[in-house]
């Protein structure tokens, strides 16, 4: 069984910016966009819909 690799994000001077190895990750939010919670809920719903579609394709 594969072990999960731990992901460590190194904080930078900007609280919306992180470093992961050689990659710099910058988080931006739109003032009129969805909240973080709404965005995560939509993401999870899309993932679950995709899993359900894959399961029914095999039938």
PDB file of N, CA and C in Angstrom:
ATOM      1  N   UNK A   1       0.845  -1.176   0.000  1.00  0.00           N
ATOM      2  CA  UNK A   1       0.000   0.000   0.000  1.00  0.00           C
ATOM      3  C   UNK A   1       0.896   1.248   0.000  1.00  0.00           C
ATOM      4  N   UNK A   2       0.547   2.219  -0.822  1.00  0.00           N
ATOM      5  CA  UNK A   2       1.319   3.453  -0.901  1.00  0.00           C
ATOM      6  C   UNK A   2       1.048   4.323   0.316  1.00  0.00           C
ATOM      7  N   UNK A   3       2.120   4.924   0.829  1.00  0.00           N
ATOM      8  CA  UNK A   3       1.954   5.880   1.909  1.00  0.00           C
ATOM      9  C   UNK A   3       1.744   7.263   1.309  1.00  0.00           C
ATOM     10  N   UNK A   4       0.908   8.050   1.960  1.00  0.00           N
ATOM     11  CA  UNK A   4       0.668   9.408   1.480  1.00  0.00           C
ATOM     12  C   UNK A   4       1.884  10.268   1.756  1.00  0.00           C
ATOM     13  N   UNK A   5       2.247  11.058   0.766  1.00  0.00           N
ATOM     14  CA  UNK A   5       3.366  11.971   0.912  1.00  0.00           C
ATOM     15  C   UNK A   5       2.892  13.233   1.612  1.00  0.00           C
ATOM     16  N   UNK A   6       3.633  13.675   2.601  1.00  0.00           N
ATOM     17  CA  UNK A   6       3.266  14.881   3.323  1.00  0.00           C
ATOM     18  C   UNK A   6       3.641  16.101   2.493  1.00  0.00           C
ATOM     19  N   UNK A   7       2.705  17.010   2.366  1.00  0.00           N
ATOM     20  CA  UNK A   7       2.940  18.237   1.619  1.00  0.00           C
ATOM     21  C   UNK A   7       3.211  19.353   2.613  1.00  0.00           C
ATOM     22  N   UNK A   8       4.336  20.016   2.433  1.00  0.00           N
ATOM     23  CA  UNK A   8       4.704  21.110   3.325  1.00  0.00           C
ATOM     24  C   UNK A   8       4.774  22.395   2.512  1.00  0.00           C
ATOM     25  N   UNK A   9       3.943  23.349   2.887  1.00  0.00           N
ATOM     26  CA  UNK A   9       3.959  24.660   2.252  1.00  0.00           C
ATOM     27  C   UNK A   9       4.749  25.606   3.143  1.00  0.00           C
ATOM     28  N   UNK A  10       5.746  26.221   2.573  1.00  0.00           N
ATOM     29  CA  UNK A  10       6.570  27.166   3.332  1.00  0.00           C
ATOM     30  C   UNK A  10       5.976  28.563   3.197  1.00  0.00           C
ATOM     31  N   UNK A  11       5.626  29.214   4.319  1.00  0.00           N
ATOM     32  CA  UNK A  11       5.065  30.564   4.230  1.00  0.00           C
ATOM     33  C   UNK A  11       6.111  31.570   3.748  1.00  0.00           C
ATOM     34  N   UNK A  12       5.632  32.603   3.094  1.00  0.00           N
ATOM     35  CA  UNK A  12       6.492  33.699   2.643  1.00  0.00           C
ATOM     36  C   UNK A  12       6.058  34.965   3.383  1.00  0.00           C
ATOM     37  N   UNK A  13       6.594  36.105   2.995  1.00  0.00           N
ATOM     38  CA  UNK A  13       6.212  37.362   3.647  1.00  0.00           C
ATOM     39  C   UNK A  13       4.754  37.717   3.384  1.00  0.00           C
ATOM     40  N   UNK A  14       4.216  37.329   2.243  1.00  0.00           N
ATOM     41  CA  UNK A  14       2.827  37.600   1.867  1.00  0.00           C
ATOM     42  C   UNK A  14       1.951  36.438   2.354  1.00  0.00           C
ATOM     43  N   UNK A  15       0.919  36.697   3.185  1.00  0.00           N
ATOM     44  CA  UNK A  15       0.097  35.603   3.715  1.00  0.00           C
ATOM     45  C   UNK A  15      -0.711  34.854   2.639  1.00  0.00           C
ATOM     46  N   UNK A  16      -0.846  35.421   1.461  1.00  0.00           N
ATOM     47  CA  UNK A  16      -1.576  34.757   0.378  1.00  0.00           C
ATOM     48  C   UNK A  16      -0.628  34.050  -0.586  1.00  0.00           C
ATOM     49  N   UNK A  17       0.619  33.921  -0.230  1.00  0.00           N
ATOM     50  CA  UNK A  17       1.621  33.339  -1.114  1.00  0.00           C
ATOM     51  C   UNK A  17       2.430  32.294  -0.344  1.00  0.00           C
ATOM     52  N   UNK A  18       2.608  31.125  -0.945  1.00  0.00           N
ATOM     53  CA  UNK A  18       3.335  30.029  -0.312  1.00  0.00           C
ATOM     54  C   UNK A  18       4.322  29.435  -1.299  1.00  0.00           C
ATOM     55  N   UNK A  19       5.300  28.723  -0.796  1.00  0.00           N
ATOM     56  CA  UNK A  19       6.285  28.045  -1.638  1.00  0.00           C
ATOM     57  C   UNK A  19       6.185  26.551  -1.371  1.00  0.00           C
ATOM     58  N   UNK A  20       6.124  25.773  -2.453  1.00  0.00           N
ATOM     59  CA  UNK A  20       6.139  24.315  -2.386  1.00  0.00           C
ATOM     60  C   UNK A  20       7.262  23.845  -3.291  1.00  0.00           C
ATOM     61  N   UNK A  21       8.412  23.552  -2.681  1.00  0.00           N
ATOM     62  CA  UNK A  21       9.587  23.198  -3.481  1.00  0.00           C
ATOM     63  C   UNK A  21       9.984  24.377  -4.346  1.00  0.00           C
ATOM     64  N   UNK A  22      10.053  24.156  -5.650  1.00  0.00           N
ATOM     65  CA  UNK A  22      10.420  25.231  -6.570  1.00  0.00           C
ATOM     66  C   UNK A  22       9.210  26.033  -7.055  1.00  0.00           C
ATOM     67  N   UNK A  23       8.005  25.650  -6.605  1.00  0.00           N
ATOM     68  CA  UNK A  23       6.779  26.321  -7.053  1.00  0.00           C
ATOM     69  C   UNK A  23       6.330  27.376  -6.054  1.00  0.00           C
ATOM     70  N   UNK A  24       5.875  28.498  -6.571  1.00  0.00           N
ATOM     71  CA  UNK A  24       5.293  29.533  -5.735  1.00  0.00           C
ATOM     72  C   UNK A  24       3.787  29.511  -5.962  1.00  0.00           C
ATOM     73  N   UNK A  25       3.024  29.415  -4.896  1.00  0.00           N
ATOM     74  CA  UNK A  25       1.568  29.324  -4.970  1.00  0.00           C
ATOM     75  C   UNK A  25       0.991  30.619  -4.422  1.00  0.00           C
ATOM     76  N   UNK A  26       0.165  31.269  -5.222  1.00  0.00           N
ATOM     77  CA  UNK A  26      -0.459  32.518  -4.797  1.00  0.00           C
ATOM     78  C   UNK A  26      -1.972  32.344  -4.804  1.00  0.00           C
ATOM     79  N   UNK A  27      -2.603  32.698  -3.703  1.00  0.00           N
ATOM     80  CA  UNK A  27      -4.046  32.562  -3.553  1.00  0.00           C
ATOM     81  C   UNK A  27      -4.684  33.923  -3.773  1.00  0.00           C
ATOM     82  N   UNK A  28      -5.702  33.968  -4.628  1.00  0.00           N
ATOM     83  CA  UNK A  28      -6.421  35.212  -4.881  1.00  0.00           C
ATOM     84  C   UNK A  28      -7.909  34.956  -4.731  1.00  0.00           C
ATOM     85  N   UNK A  29      -8.613  35.918  -4.188  1.00  0.00           N
ATOM     86  CA  UNK A  29     -10.052  35.826  -4.033  1.00  0.00           C
ATOM     87  C   UNK A  29     -10.704  37.031  -4.697  1.00  0.00           C
ATOM     88  N   UNK A  30     -11.800  36.796  -5.362  1.00  0.00           N
ATOM     89  CA  UNK A  30     -12.557  37.868  -5.993  1.00  0.00           C
ATOM     90  C   UNK A  30     -13.564  38.418  -4.983  1.00  0.00           C
ATOM     91  N   UNK A  31     -13.695  39.731  -4.869  1.00  0.00           N
ATOM     92  CA  UNK A  31     -14.629  40.282  -3.886  1.00  0.00           C
ATOM     93  C   UNK A  31     -16.080  39.907  -4.170  1.00  0.00           C
ATOM     94  N   UNK A  32     -16.418  39.663  -5.423  1.00  0.00           N
ATOM     95  CA  UNK A  32     -17.805  39.304  -5.751  1.00  0.00           C
ATOM     96  C   UNK A  32     -17.957  37.818  -6.090  1.00  0.00           C
ATOM     97  N   UNK A  33     -16.934  37.031  -5.825  1.00  0.00           N
ATOM     98  CA  UNK A  33     -16.975  35.601  -6.113  1.00  0.00           C
ATOM     99  C   UNK A  33     -17.496  34.804  -4.920  1.00  0.00           C
ATOM    100  N   UNK A  34     -17.499  33.479  -5.065  1.00  0.00           N
ATOM    101  CA  UNK A  34     -17.971  32.634  -3.964  1.00  0.00           C
ATOM    102  C   UNK A  34     -16.990  32.660  -2.792  1.00  0.00           C
ATOM    103  N   UNK A  35     -17.495  32.346  -1.608  1.00  0.00           N
ATOM    104  CA  UNK A  35     -16.621  32.249  -0.445  1.00  0.00           C
ATOM    105  C   UNK A  35     -15.759  31.000  -0.596  1.00  0.00           C
ATOM    106  N   UNK A  36     -14.734  30.885   0.239  1.00  0.00           N
ATOM    107  CA  UNK A  36     -13.871  29.709   0.204  1.00  0.00           C
ATOM    108  C   UNK A  36     -14.697  28.446   0.451  1.00  0.00           C
ATOM    109  N   UNK A  37     -15.597  28.499   1.416  1.00  0.00           N
ATOM    110  CA  UNK A  37     -16.439  27.348   1.747  1.00  0.00           C
ATOM    111  C   UNK A  37     -17.320  26.953   0.559  1.00  0.00           C
ATOM    112  N   UNK A  38     -17.917  27.932  -0.116  1.00  0.00           N
ATOM    113  CA  UNK A  38     -18.749  27.644  -1.292  1.00  0.00           C
ATOM    114  C   UNK A  38     -17.918  27.028  -2.414  1.00  0.00           C
ATOM    115  N   UNK A  39     -16.719  27.555  -2.628  1.00  0.00           N
ATOM    116  CA  UNK A  39     -15.851  27.024  -3.680  1.00  0.00           C
ATOM    117  C   UNK A  39     -15.453  25.586  -3.378  1.00  0.00           C
ATOM    118  N   UNK A  40     -15.109  25.284  -2.121  1.00  0.00           N
ATOM    119  CA  UNK A  40     -14.751  23.917  -1.745  1.00  0.00           C
ATOM    120  C   UNK A  40     -15.939  22.974  -1.889  1.00  0.00           C
ATOM    121  N   UNK A  41     -17.120  23.430  -1.518  1.00  0.00           N
ATOM    122  CA  UNK A  41     -18.321  22.602  -1.648  1.00  0.00           C
ATOM    123  C   UNK A  41     -18.586  22.278  -3.120  1.00  0.00           C
ATOM    124  N   UNK A  42     -18.457  23.259  -3.988  1.00  0.00           N
ATOM    125  CA  UNK A  42     -18.647  23.033  -5.426  1.00  0.00           C
ATOM    126  C   UNK A  42     -17.605  22.057  -5.966  1.00  0.00           C
ATOM    127  N   UNK A  43     -16.360  22.200  -5.531  1.00  0.00           N
ATOM    128  CA  UNK A  43     -15.286  21.312  -5.972  1.00  0.00           C
ATOM    129  C   UNK A  43     -15.578  19.873  -5.554  1.00  0.00           C
ATOM    130  N   UNK A  44     -15.968  19.676  -4.299  1.00  0.00           N
ATOM    131  CA  UNK A  44     -16.256  18.328  -3.805  1.00  0.00           C
ATOM    132  C   UNK A  44     -17.451  17.734  -4.531  1.00  0.00           C
ATOM    133  N   UNK A  45     -18.486  18.533  -4.768  1.00  0.00           N
ATOM    134  CA  UNK A  45     -19.657  18.043  -5.497  1.00  0.00           C
ATOM    135  C   UNK A  45     -19.287  17.600  -6.911  1.00  0.00           C
ATOM    136  N   UNK A  46     -18.422  18.371  -7.589  1.00  0.00           N
ATOM    137  CA  UNK A  46     -17.985  17.979  -8.942  1.00  0.00           C
ATOM    138  C   UNK A  46     -17.192  16.684  -8.900  1.00  0.00           C
ATOM    139  N   UNK A  47     -16.313  16.534  -7.897  1.00  0.00           N
ATOM    140  CA  UNK A  47     -15.530  15.303  -7.760  1.00  0.00           C
ATOM    141  C   UNK A  47     -16.451  14.110  -7.513  1.00  0.00           C
ATOM    142  N   UNK A  48     -17.427  14.277  -6.623  1.00  0.00           N
ATOM    143  CA  UNK A  48     -18.351  13.182  -6.329  1.00  0.00           C
ATOM    144  C   UNK A  48     -19.190  12.829  -7.551  1.00  0.00           C
ATOM    145  N   UNK A  49     -19.623  13.832  -8.302  1.00  0.00           N
ATOM    146  CA  UNK A  49     -20.381  13.567  -9.532  1.00  0.00           C
ATOM    147  C   UNK A  49     -19.541  12.766 -10.508  1.00  0.00           C
ATOM    148  N   UNK A  50     -18.258  13.100 -10.624  1.00  0.00           N
ATOM    149  CA  UNK A  50     -17.355  12.378 -11.510  1.00  0.00           C
ATOM    150  C   UNK A  50     -17.165  10.940 -11.066  1.00  0.00           C
ATOM    151  N   UNK A  51     -17.076  10.719  -9.757  1.00  0.00           N
ATOM    152  CA  UNK A  51     -16.935   9.351  -9.248  1.00  0.00           C
ATOM    153  C   UNK A  51     -18.185   8.538  -9.517  1.00  0.00           C
ATOM    154  N   UNK A  52     -19.321   9.164  -9.354  1.00  0.00           N
ATOM    155  CA  UNK A  52     -20.581   8.453  -9.597  1.00  0.00           C
ATOM    156  C   UNK A  52     -20.702   8.096 -11.078  1.00  0.00           C
ATOM    157  N   UNK A  53     -20.291   9.004 -11.975  1.00  0.00           N
ATOM    158  CA  UNK A  53     -20.352   8.735 -13.404  1.00  0.00           C
ATOM    159  C   UNK A  53     -19.436   7.575 -13.779  1.00  0.00           C
ATOM    160  N   UNK A  54     -18.232   7.518 -13.178  1.00  0.00           N
ATOM    161  CA  UNK A  54     -17.280   6.439 -13.479  1.00  0.00           C
ATOM    162  C   UNK A  54     -17.836   5.100 -13.024  1.00  0.00           C
ATOM    163  N   UNK A  55     -18.516   5.067 -11.878  1.00  0.00           N
ATOM    164  CA  UNK A  55     -19.059   3.805 -11.369  1.00  0.00           C
ATOM    165  C   UNK A  55     -20.174   3.283 -12.269  1.00  0.00           C
ATOM    166  N   UNK A  56     -21.011   4.157 -12.803  1.00  0.00           N
ATOM    167  CA  UNK A  56     -22.117   3.709 -13.640  1.00  0.00           C
ATOM    168  C   UNK A  56     -21.673   3.349 -15.042  1.00  0.00           C
ATOM    169  N   UNK A  57     -20.516   3.866 -15.480  1.00  0.00           N
ATOM    170  CA  UNK A  57     -20.006   3.523 -16.815  1.00  0.00           C
ATOM    171  C   UNK A  57     -19.655   2.040 -16.924  1.00  0.00           C
ATOM    172  N   UNK A  58     -19.298   1.406 -15.798  1.00  0.00           N
ATOM    173  CA  UNK A  58     -18.895   0.009 -15.816  1.00  0.00           C
ATOM    174  C   UNK A  58     -20.069  -0.949 -15.847  1.00  0.00           C
ATOM    175  N   UNK A  59     -21.268  -0.455 -15.590  1.00  0.00           N
ATOM    176  CA  UNK A  59     -22.434  -1.340 -15.541  1.00  0.00           C
ATOM    177  C   UNK A  59     -22.940  -1.733 -16.889  1.00  0.00           C
TER     178      UNK A  59
END
